[in-house]
N, C-alpha and C. Protein backbone atom coordinates (compact mmCIF):
# COMPACT_ATOMS: atom_id res chain seq x y z
N MET A 1 6.53 5.96 12.32
CA MET A 1 5.41 4.90 12.07
C MET A 1 4.37 5.72 11.21
N LEU A 2 4.10 7.02 11.49
CA LEU A 2 2.97 7.65 10.64
C LEU A 2 3.28 7.56 9.17
N MET A 3 4.69 7.85 8.84
CA MET A 3 5.14 7.67 7.57
C MET A 3 4.65 6.44 6.89
N ILE A 4 4.93 5.35 7.58
CA ILE A 4 4.73 3.91 7.05
C ILE A 4 3.12 3.82 6.73
N VAL A 5 2.32 4.20 7.74
CA VAL A 5 0.85 4.15 7.59
C VAL A 5 0.38 4.97 6.38
N HIS A 6 1.01 6.12 6.29
CA HIS A 6 0.60 7.13 5.09
C HIS A 6 1.09 6.26 3.76
N VAL A 7 2.27 5.72 3.63
CA VAL A 7 2.57 5.15 2.41
C VAL A 7 1.66 3.87 2.26
N ALA A 8 1.42 3.03 3.20
CA ALA A 8 0.68 1.98 3.14
C ALA A 8 -0.76 2.28 2.58
N ASP A 9 -1.39 3.42 3.08
CA ASP A 9 -2.61 3.86 2.82
C ASP A 9 -2.63 4.12 1.25
N ILE A 10 -1.73 4.86 0.89
CA ILE A 10 -1.69 5.27 -0.61
C ILE A 10 -1.48 4.12 -1.58
N ILE A 11 -0.65 3.28 -1.05
CA ILE A 11 -0.40 1.97 -1.91
C ILE A 11 -1.80 1.10 -2.05
N VAL A 12 -2.46 1.05 -0.81
CA VAL A 12 -3.66 0.14 -0.90
C VAL A 12 -4.69 0.72 -1.58
N ASN A 13 -5.01 2.07 -1.38
CA ASN A 13 -6.13 2.83 -2.14
C ASN A 13 -5.90 2.76 -3.62
N SER A 14 -4.51 2.96 -4.04
CA SER A 14 -4.22 3.19 -5.44
C SER A 14 -4.54 1.71 -6.16
N HIS A 15 -4.06 0.63 -5.51
CA HIS A 15 -4.07 -0.69 -6.00
C HIS A 15 -5.52 -1.10 -6.13
N MET A 16 -6.28 -0.59 -4.98
CA MET A 16 -7.66 -1.19 -4.94
C MET A 16 -8.58 -0.42 -5.98
N SER A 17 -8.14 0.79 -6.40
CA SER A 17 -8.92 1.57 -7.50
C SER A 17 -8.53 1.12 -8.87
N ASP A 18 -7.33 0.63 -9.08
CA ASP A 18 -7.03 0.02 -10.37
C ASP A 18 -5.88 -0.77 -10.23
N SER A 19 -6.13 -2.20 -10.11
CA SER A 19 -5.04 -3.13 -9.91
C SER A 19 -4.30 -3.50 -11.01
N GLU A 20 -4.80 -3.17 -12.24
CA GLU A 20 -4.12 -3.53 -13.47
C GLU A 20 -3.01 -2.55 -13.90
N SER A 21 -3.08 -1.36 -13.36
CA SER A 21 -2.11 -0.48 -13.76
C SER A 21 -1.17 -0.23 -12.57
N GLU A 22 -0.05 0.49 -12.90
CA GLU A 22 0.99 0.91 -11.84
C GLU A 22 0.34 1.83 -10.99
N PRO A 23 0.72 1.68 -9.66
CA PRO A 23 0.07 2.43 -8.55
C PRO A 23 0.45 3.94 -8.71
N ASP A 24 -0.53 4.79 -8.46
CA ASP A 24 -0.29 6.24 -8.39
C ASP A 24 0.24 6.63 -7.03
N LEU A 25 1.72 6.90 -6.95
CA LEU A 25 2.37 7.17 -5.73
C LEU A 25 2.67 8.60 -5.79
N SER A 26 2.09 9.44 -6.45
CA SER A 26 2.39 10.93 -6.50
C SER A 26 2.13 11.61 -5.15
N ALA A 27 1.05 11.13 -4.43
CA ALA A 27 0.74 11.85 -3.06
C ALA A 27 1.54 11.47 -1.97
N ILE A 28 2.58 10.46 -2.11
CA ILE A 28 3.45 10.19 -1.09
C ILE A 28 4.42 11.22 -0.77
N TYR A 29 4.81 11.52 0.70
CA TYR A 29 5.49 12.59 0.95
C TYR A 29 6.93 12.31 0.41
N PRO A 30 7.49 13.43 -0.07
CA PRO A 30 8.94 13.11 -0.62
C PRO A 30 9.92 12.55 0.34
N ASP A 31 9.72 12.89 1.62
CA ASP A 31 10.67 12.27 2.49
C ASP A 31 10.37 10.61 2.45
N ALA A 32 9.20 10.36 2.63
CA ALA A 32 8.83 8.84 2.48
C ALA A 32 9.45 8.19 1.26
N ALA A 33 9.35 8.84 0.21
CA ALA A 33 9.58 8.35 -1.09
C ALA A 33 11.04 8.24 -1.16
N SER A 34 11.90 9.05 -0.56
CA SER A 34 13.37 8.81 -0.56
C SER A 34 13.80 7.74 0.40
N ILE A 35 13.31 7.65 1.47
CA ILE A 35 13.48 6.64 2.43
C ILE A 35 13.06 5.19 1.91
N MET A 36 11.84 5.08 1.27
CA MET A 36 11.36 3.80 0.85
C MET A 36 11.39 3.58 -0.71
N GLY A 37 12.10 4.38 -1.22
CA GLY A 37 12.46 4.19 -2.73
C GLY A 37 12.51 2.79 -3.43
N PRO A 38 13.41 1.99 -2.90
CA PRO A 38 13.40 0.68 -3.59
C PRO A 38 12.26 -0.01 -3.29
N GLN A 39 11.35 -0.08 -2.27
CA GLN A 39 10.35 -0.71 -1.98
C GLN A 39 9.23 -0.15 -2.89
N LEU A 40 9.25 1.10 -3.02
CA LEU A 40 8.08 1.73 -3.97
C LEU A 40 8.33 1.49 -5.45
N GLU A 41 9.54 1.37 -5.82
CA GLU A 41 9.91 1.02 -7.39
C GLU A 41 9.37 -0.32 -7.61
N THR A 42 9.31 -1.11 -6.70
CA THR A 42 8.92 -2.66 -7.08
C THR A 42 7.55 -3.02 -6.48
N VAL A 43 6.87 -1.90 -6.07
CA VAL A 43 5.49 -2.26 -5.56
C VAL A 43 4.66 -3.10 -6.23
N SER A 44 4.64 -2.96 -7.58
CA SER A 44 3.73 -3.97 -8.38
C SER A 44 4.30 -5.32 -8.32
N ASP A 45 5.44 -5.50 -7.97
CA ASP A 45 5.98 -6.91 -7.99
C ASP A 45 5.56 -7.67 -6.62
N TRP A 46 5.55 -6.84 -5.57
CA TRP A 46 5.31 -7.56 -4.33
C TRP A 46 3.99 -7.43 -3.80
N PHE A 47 3.20 -6.28 -4.13
CA PHE A 47 1.93 -6.13 -3.54
C PHE A 47 0.80 -6.95 -3.76
N PRO A 48 0.66 -7.65 -4.97
CA PRO A 48 -0.44 -8.71 -5.04
C PRO A 48 -0.27 -9.76 -3.98
N GLU A 49 0.77 -10.03 -3.51
CA GLU A 49 0.88 -11.23 -2.51
C GLU A 49 0.47 -10.64 -1.15
N VAL A 50 0.88 -9.36 -0.95
CA VAL A 50 0.49 -8.74 0.41
C VAL A 50 -0.91 -8.35 0.49
N SER A 51 -1.57 -8.16 -0.53
CA SER A 51 -2.95 -7.80 -0.65
C SER A 51 -3.81 -8.80 -0.02
N GLU A 52 -3.59 -10.05 -0.20
CA GLU A 52 -4.28 -11.15 0.50
C GLU A 52 -4.16 -11.06 2.00
N GLU A 53 -3.06 -10.70 2.57
CA GLU A 53 -2.76 -10.53 3.99
C GLU A 53 -3.55 -9.41 4.41
N ILE A 54 -3.62 -8.26 3.72
CA ILE A 54 -4.46 -7.10 3.95
C ILE A 54 -5.76 -7.46 4.10
N GLN A 55 -6.33 -8.34 3.34
CA GLN A 55 -7.74 -8.43 3.30
C GLN A 55 -7.98 -9.37 4.70
N SER A 56 -7.27 -10.30 4.76
CA SER A 56 -7.31 -11.21 6.01
C SER A 56 -7.39 -10.25 7.22
N ALA A 57 -6.36 -9.24 7.40
CA ALA A 57 -6.46 -8.36 8.50
C ALA A 57 -7.63 -7.56 8.49
N CYS A 58 -8.07 -7.14 7.50
CA CYS A 58 -9.33 -6.28 7.56
C CYS A 58 -10.41 -7.07 8.07
N GLU A 59 -10.64 -8.21 7.64
CA GLU A 59 -11.66 -9.00 8.05
C GLU A 59 -11.48 -9.42 9.49
N PHE A 60 -10.37 -9.59 9.96
CA PHE A 60 -10.34 -9.74 11.47
C PHE A 60 -10.69 -8.47 12.35
N PHE A 61 -9.95 -7.45 11.86
CA PHE A 61 -10.25 -6.28 12.71
C PHE A 61 -11.46 -5.58 12.59
N LEU A 62 -12.10 -5.78 11.49
CA LEU A 62 -13.34 -4.93 11.17
C LEU A 62 -14.56 -6.08 11.48
N GLU A 63 -14.22 -7.13 11.82
CA GLU A 63 -15.41 -8.13 12.21
C GLU A 63 -16.26 -7.79 13.27
N GLU A 64 -17.59 -7.66 13.11
CA GLU A 64 -18.46 -7.35 14.18
C GLU A 64 -18.51 -8.36 15.15
N ARG A 65 -18.40 -7.95 16.38
CA ARG A 65 -18.46 -8.97 17.50
C ARG A 65 -19.69 -8.72 18.40
């Protein structure tokens, strides 16, 4: 589970810093890169659609009550 959170954090931060270029995935643990290789190779294809869901989740969980 920690590996998934680590990879997700890097993808989100990379995309948020520069959404026009390929994400910088160099900080991903080698084990994670080998396991998630196909998903990481196509991250630019699928991430823009997922980013809307991420924004919605952040708004929900970070909402002050």
